[in-house]
Amino acid sequence: MKKLLTLICIAFALSACNTMEGFGKDVQKVGSKVEGAARK
């Protein structure tokens, strides 16, 4: 049971990393568009 719980925690942590990476890329894209609009 303890091994199963450990595997679930590891899987959750890895999926959270991927989610945060995607979120970071989205924020970066929005920032680029805002910066481009400010230059016009």
N, C-alpha and C. Protein backbone atom coordinates (compact mmCIF):
# COMPACT_ATOMS: atom_id res chain seq x y z
N MET A 1 0.82 -1.20 0.00
CA MET A 1 0.00 0.00 0.00
C MET A 1 0.86 1.26 0.00
N LYS A 2 1.95 1.23 0.74
CA LYS A 2 2.83 2.40 0.81
C LYS A 2 3.50 2.66 -0.54
N LYS A 3 3.85 1.59 -1.26
CA LYS A 3 4.47 1.77 -2.58
C LYS A 3 3.48 2.39 -3.56
N LEU A 4 2.23 1.95 -3.48
CA LEU A 4 1.21 2.50 -4.37
C LEU A 4 1.02 3.99 -4.11
N LEU A 5 0.96 4.36 -2.87
CA LEU A 5 0.81 5.77 -2.52
C LEU A 5 2.00 6.59 -3.00
N THR A 6 3.19 6.04 -2.88
CA THR A 6 4.40 6.72 -3.35
C THR A 6 4.35 6.91 -4.86
N LEU A 7 3.94 5.88 -5.59
CA LEU A 7 3.85 5.99 -7.05
C LEU A 7 2.81 7.02 -7.47
N ILE A 8 1.70 7.07 -6.77
CA ILE A 8 0.67 8.06 -7.08
C ILE A 8 1.20 9.47 -6.84
N CYS A 9 1.92 9.66 -5.77
CA CYS A 9 2.50 10.98 -5.46
C CYS A 9 3.51 11.40 -6.51
N ILE A 10 4.34 10.47 -6.95
CA ILE A 10 5.33 10.77 -7.98
C ILE A 10 4.65 11.14 -9.29
N ALA A 11 3.64 10.38 -9.67
CA ALA A 11 2.91 10.65 -10.91
C ALA A 11 2.24 12.02 -10.85
N PHE A 12 1.66 12.36 -9.71
CA PHE A 12 1.02 13.66 -9.55
C PHE A 12 2.05 14.79 -9.65
N ALA A 13 3.20 14.61 -9.05
CA ALA A 13 4.24 15.64 -9.08
C ALA A 13 4.74 15.86 -10.50
N LEU A 14 4.92 14.78 -11.25
CA LEU A 14 5.40 14.92 -12.62
C LEU A 14 4.36 15.60 -13.50
N SER A 15 3.10 15.27 -13.31
CA SER A 15 2.06 15.91 -14.12
C SER A 15 1.93 17.39 -13.76
N ALA A 16 2.14 17.72 -12.51
CA ALA A 16 2.09 19.13 -12.09
C ALA A 16 3.22 19.92 -12.74
N CYS A 17 4.38 19.31 -12.87
CA CYS A 17 5.50 20.00 -13.52
C CYS A 17 5.16 20.32 -14.97
N ASN A 18 4.57 19.35 -15.67
CA ASN A 18 4.20 19.59 -17.06
C ASN A 18 3.14 20.67 -17.16
N THR A 19 2.21 20.69 -16.25
CA THR A 19 1.17 21.71 -16.26
C THR A 19 1.77 23.09 -16.04
N MET A 20 2.67 23.21 -15.09
CA MET A 20 3.29 24.50 -14.81
C MET A 20 4.14 24.96 -15.98
N GLU A 21 4.79 24.02 -16.67
CA GLU A 21 5.59 24.39 -17.83
C GLU A 21 4.69 24.97 -18.92
N GLY A 22 3.57 24.32 -19.15
CA GLY A 22 2.61 24.82 -20.15
C GLY A 22 2.06 26.17 -19.76
N PHE A 23 1.76 26.34 -18.47
CA PHE A 23 1.25 27.61 -17.97
C PHE A 23 2.28 28.70 -18.17
N GLY A 24 3.54 28.40 -17.92
CA GLY A 24 4.61 29.37 -18.10
C GLY A 24 4.74 29.81 -19.55
N LYS A 25 4.60 28.86 -20.46
CA LYS A 25 4.67 29.19 -21.89
C LYS A 25 3.51 30.09 -22.30
N ASP A 26 2.31 29.80 -21.76
CA ASP A 26 1.15 30.63 -22.07
C ASP A 26 1.35 32.05 -21.57
N VAL A 27 1.86 32.19 -20.36
CA VAL A 27 2.09 33.51 -19.79
C VAL A 27 3.14 34.26 -20.62
N GLN A 28 4.14 33.54 -21.07
CA GLN A 28 5.19 34.17 -21.88
C GLN A 28 4.61 34.69 -23.20
N LYS A 29 3.72 33.92 -23.82
CA LYS A 29 3.10 34.35 -25.08
C LYS A 29 2.27 35.61 -24.87
N VAL A 30 1.50 35.63 -23.79
CA VAL A 30 0.68 36.81 -23.49
C VAL A 30 1.57 38.01 -23.25
N GLY A 31 2.66 37.81 -22.53
CA GLY A 31 3.59 38.91 -22.27
C GLY A 31 4.19 39.46 -23.55
N SER A 32 4.52 38.59 -24.47
CA SER A 32 5.08 39.03 -25.76
C SER A 32 4.07 39.86 -26.54
N LYS A 33 2.81 39.43 -26.52
CA LYS A 33 1.78 40.18 -27.25
C LYS A 33 1.53 41.54 -26.61
N VAL A 34 1.54 41.60 -25.29
CA VAL A 34 1.35 42.87 -24.60
C VAL A 34 2.52 43.80 -24.91
N GLU A 35 3.72 43.24 -24.91
CA GLU A 35 4.90 44.06 -25.20
C GLU A 35 4.84 44.58 -26.64
N GLY A 36 4.42 43.72 -27.57
CA GLY A 36 4.30 44.16 -28.97
C GLY A 36 3.25 45.24 -29.12
N ALA A 37 2.15 45.13 -28.42
CA ALA A 37 1.09 46.14 -28.50
C ALA A 37 1.56 47.46 -27.89
N ALA A 38 2.38 47.40 -26.87
CA ALA A 38 2.87 48.62 -26.21
C ALA A 38 3.85 49.36 -27.10
N ARG A 39 4.53 48.66 -27.97
CA ARG A 39 5.51 49.31 -28.86
C ARG A 39 4.87 50.05 -30.00
N LYS A 40 3.61 49.72 -30.33
CA LYS A 40 2.94 50.36 -31.48
C LYS A 40 2.47 51.75 -31.17
